[in-house]
């Protein structure tokens, strides 16, 4: 499946529902929803995260590029 097909698939999945659920809203807000979809699809197909290193690295790079590191910084309670 090409990148354009993936984007269309993600968009169609959201459009099939009346509203995106909380998970959809959160992953779309990261700017890395396409990379996330590729990563989870890889795991679904292989059942082995070790086989998905390329997808995981692409997601990690997107996460940093979008400035999402601040979203997940741990803070002292």
C-alpha atoms as a PDB file:
ATOM      1  CA  UNK A   1       0.000   0.000   0.000  1.00  0.00           C
ATOM      2  CA  UNK A   2       1.448   3.400  -0.987  1.00  0.00           C
ATOM      3  CA  UNK A   3       1.709   6.394   1.330  1.00  0.00           C
ATOM      4  CA  UNK A   4      -1.194   8.096  -0.432  1.00  0.00           C
ATOM      5  CA  UNK A   5      -3.339   4.988  -0.026  1.00  0.00           C
ATOM      6  CA  UNK A   6      -2.457   4.835   3.680  1.00  0.00           C
ATOM      7  CA  UNK A   7      -3.436   8.476   4.190  1.00  0.00           C
ATOM      8  CA  UNK A   8      -6.691   7.875   2.331  1.00  0.00           C
ATOM      9  CA  UNK A   9      -7.348   4.746   4.393  1.00  0.00           C
ATOM     10  CA  UNK A  10      -6.791   6.617   7.667  1.00  0.00           C
ATOM     11  CA  UNK A  11      -8.979   9.491   6.491  1.00  0.00           C
ATOM     12  CA  UNK A  12     -11.734   7.131   5.386  1.00  0.00           C
ATOM     13  CA  UNK A  13     -11.658   5.302   8.718  1.00  0.00           C
ATOM     14  CA  UNK A  14     -12.173   8.574  10.525  1.00  0.00           C
ATOM     15  CA  UNK A  15     -14.883   9.686   8.104  1.00  0.00           C
ATOM     16  CA  UNK A  16     -16.824   6.440   8.594  1.00  0.00           C
ATOM     17  CA  UNK A  17     -17.426   7.396  12.217  1.00  0.00           C
ATOM     18  CA  UNK A  18     -19.438  10.451  13.117  1.00  0.00           C
ATOM     19  CA  UNK A  19     -16.513  11.715  15.163  1.00  0.00           C
ATOM     20  CA  UNK A  20     -12.960  10.537  15.747  1.00  0.00           C
ATOM     21  CA  UNK A  21     -12.529   8.780  19.068  1.00  0.00           C
ATOM     22  CA  UNK A  22     -10.098  10.007  21.721  1.00  0.00           C
ATOM     23  CA  UNK A  23      -7.239   7.826  20.451  1.00  0.00           C
ATOM     24  CA  UNK A  24      -7.682   9.146  16.903  1.00  0.00           C
ATOM     25  CA  UNK A  25      -7.672  12.736  18.127  1.00  0.00           C
ATOM     26  CA  UNK A  26      -4.522  12.168  20.137  1.00  0.00           C
ATOM     27  CA  UNK A  27      -2.549  10.408  17.398  1.00  0.00           C
ATOM     28  CA  UNK A  28      -3.627  12.902  14.720  1.00  0.00           C
ATOM     29  CA  UNK A  29      -2.552  15.789  16.972  1.00  0.00           C
ATOM     30  CA  UNK A  30       1.016  14.419  17.005  1.00  0.00           C
ATOM     31  CA  UNK A  31       1.424  14.906  13.255  1.00  0.00           C
ATOM     32  CA  UNK A  32       2.683  11.309  12.991  1.00  0.00           C
ATOM     33  CA  UNK A  33      -0.505   9.360  12.345  1.00  0.00           C
ATOM     34  CA  UNK A  34       0.751   7.937   9.032  1.00  0.00           C
ATOM     35  CA  UNK A  35       3.996   6.741  10.616  1.00  0.00           C
ATOM     36  CA  UNK A  36       2.040   5.289  13.523  1.00  0.00           C
ATOM     37  CA  UNK A  37      -0.239   3.404  11.125  1.00  0.00           C
ATOM     38  CA  UNK A  38       2.755   1.942   9.277  1.00  0.00           C
ATOM     39  CA  UNK A  39       4.367   0.883  12.534  1.00  0.00           C
ATOM     40  CA  UNK A  40       1.250  -0.794  13.903  1.00  0.00           C
ATOM     41  CA  UNK A  41       0.492  -2.416  10.541  1.00  0.00           C
ATOM     42  CA  UNK A  42       4.001  -3.861  10.484  1.00  0.00           C
ATOM     43  CA  UNK A  43       3.559  -5.336  13.941  1.00  0.00           C
ATOM     44  CA  UNK A  44       0.100  -6.664  13.053  1.00  0.00           C
ATOM     45  CA  UNK A  45       1.539  -8.407   9.975  1.00  0.00           C
ATOM     46  CA  UNK A  46       4.723  -9.754  11.582  1.00  0.00           C
ATOM     47  CA  UNK A  47       3.821 -10.087  15.292  1.00  0.00           C
ATOM     48  CA  UNK A  48       7.458  -9.152  15.950  1.00  0.00           C
ATOM     49  CA  UNK A  49       8.578  -5.618  16.799  1.00  0.00           C
ATOM     50  CA  UNK A  50      12.136  -6.559  15.822  1.00  0.00           C
ATOM     51  CA  UNK A  51      10.957  -6.881  12.214  1.00  0.00           C
ATOM     52  CA  UNK A  52       9.610  -3.314  12.323  1.00  0.00           C
ATOM     53  CA  UNK A  53      12.778  -1.385  13.153  1.00  0.00           C
ATOM     54  CA  UNK A  54      12.531   0.763  10.008  1.00  0.00           C
ATOM     55  CA  UNK A  55       8.930   1.758  10.797  1.00  0.00           C
ATOM     56  CA  UNK A  56       9.721   2.396  14.458  1.00  0.00           C
ATOM     57  CA  UNK A  57      12.656   4.635  13.529  1.00  0.00           C
ATOM     58  CA  UNK A  58      10.496   6.586  11.046  1.00  0.00           C
ATOM     59  CA  UNK A  59       7.913   7.114  13.792  1.00  0.00           C
ATOM     60  CA  UNK A  60      10.597   8.144  16.286  1.00  0.00           C
ATOM     61  CA  UNK A  61      12.061  10.679  13.799  1.00  0.00           C
ATOM     62  CA  UNK A  62       8.609  12.089  13.058  1.00  0.00           C
ATOM     63  CA  UNK A  63       7.886  12.336  16.781  1.00  0.00           C
ATOM     64  CA  UNK A  64      11.033  14.388  17.347  1.00  0.00           C
ATOM     65  CA  UNK A  65      10.560  16.467  14.189  1.00  0.00           C
ATOM     66  CA  UNK A  66       7.053  17.422  15.304  1.00  0.00           C
ATOM     67  CA  UNK A  67       8.325  18.460  18.756  1.00  0.00           C
ATOM     68  CA  UNK A  68       6.356  15.794  20.592  1.00  0.00           C
ATOM     69  CA  UNK A  69       9.170  15.029  23.031  1.00  0.00           C
ATOM     70  CA  UNK A  70       7.797  17.727  25.322  1.00  0.00           C
ATOM     71  CA  UNK A  71       4.438  15.926  25.388  1.00  0.00           C
ATOM     72  CA  UNK A  72       5.946  12.849  26.956  1.00  0.00           C
ATOM     73  CA  UNK A  73       8.586  14.299  29.262  1.00  0.00           C
ATOM     74  CA  UNK A  74       8.246  12.816  32.709  1.00  0.00           C
ATOM     75  CA  UNK A  75       7.668  15.271  35.484  1.00  0.00           C
ATOM     76  CA  UNK A  76       8.202  14.938  39.193  1.00  0.00           C
ATOM     77  CA  UNK A  77       4.903  14.416  40.974  1.00  0.00           C
END
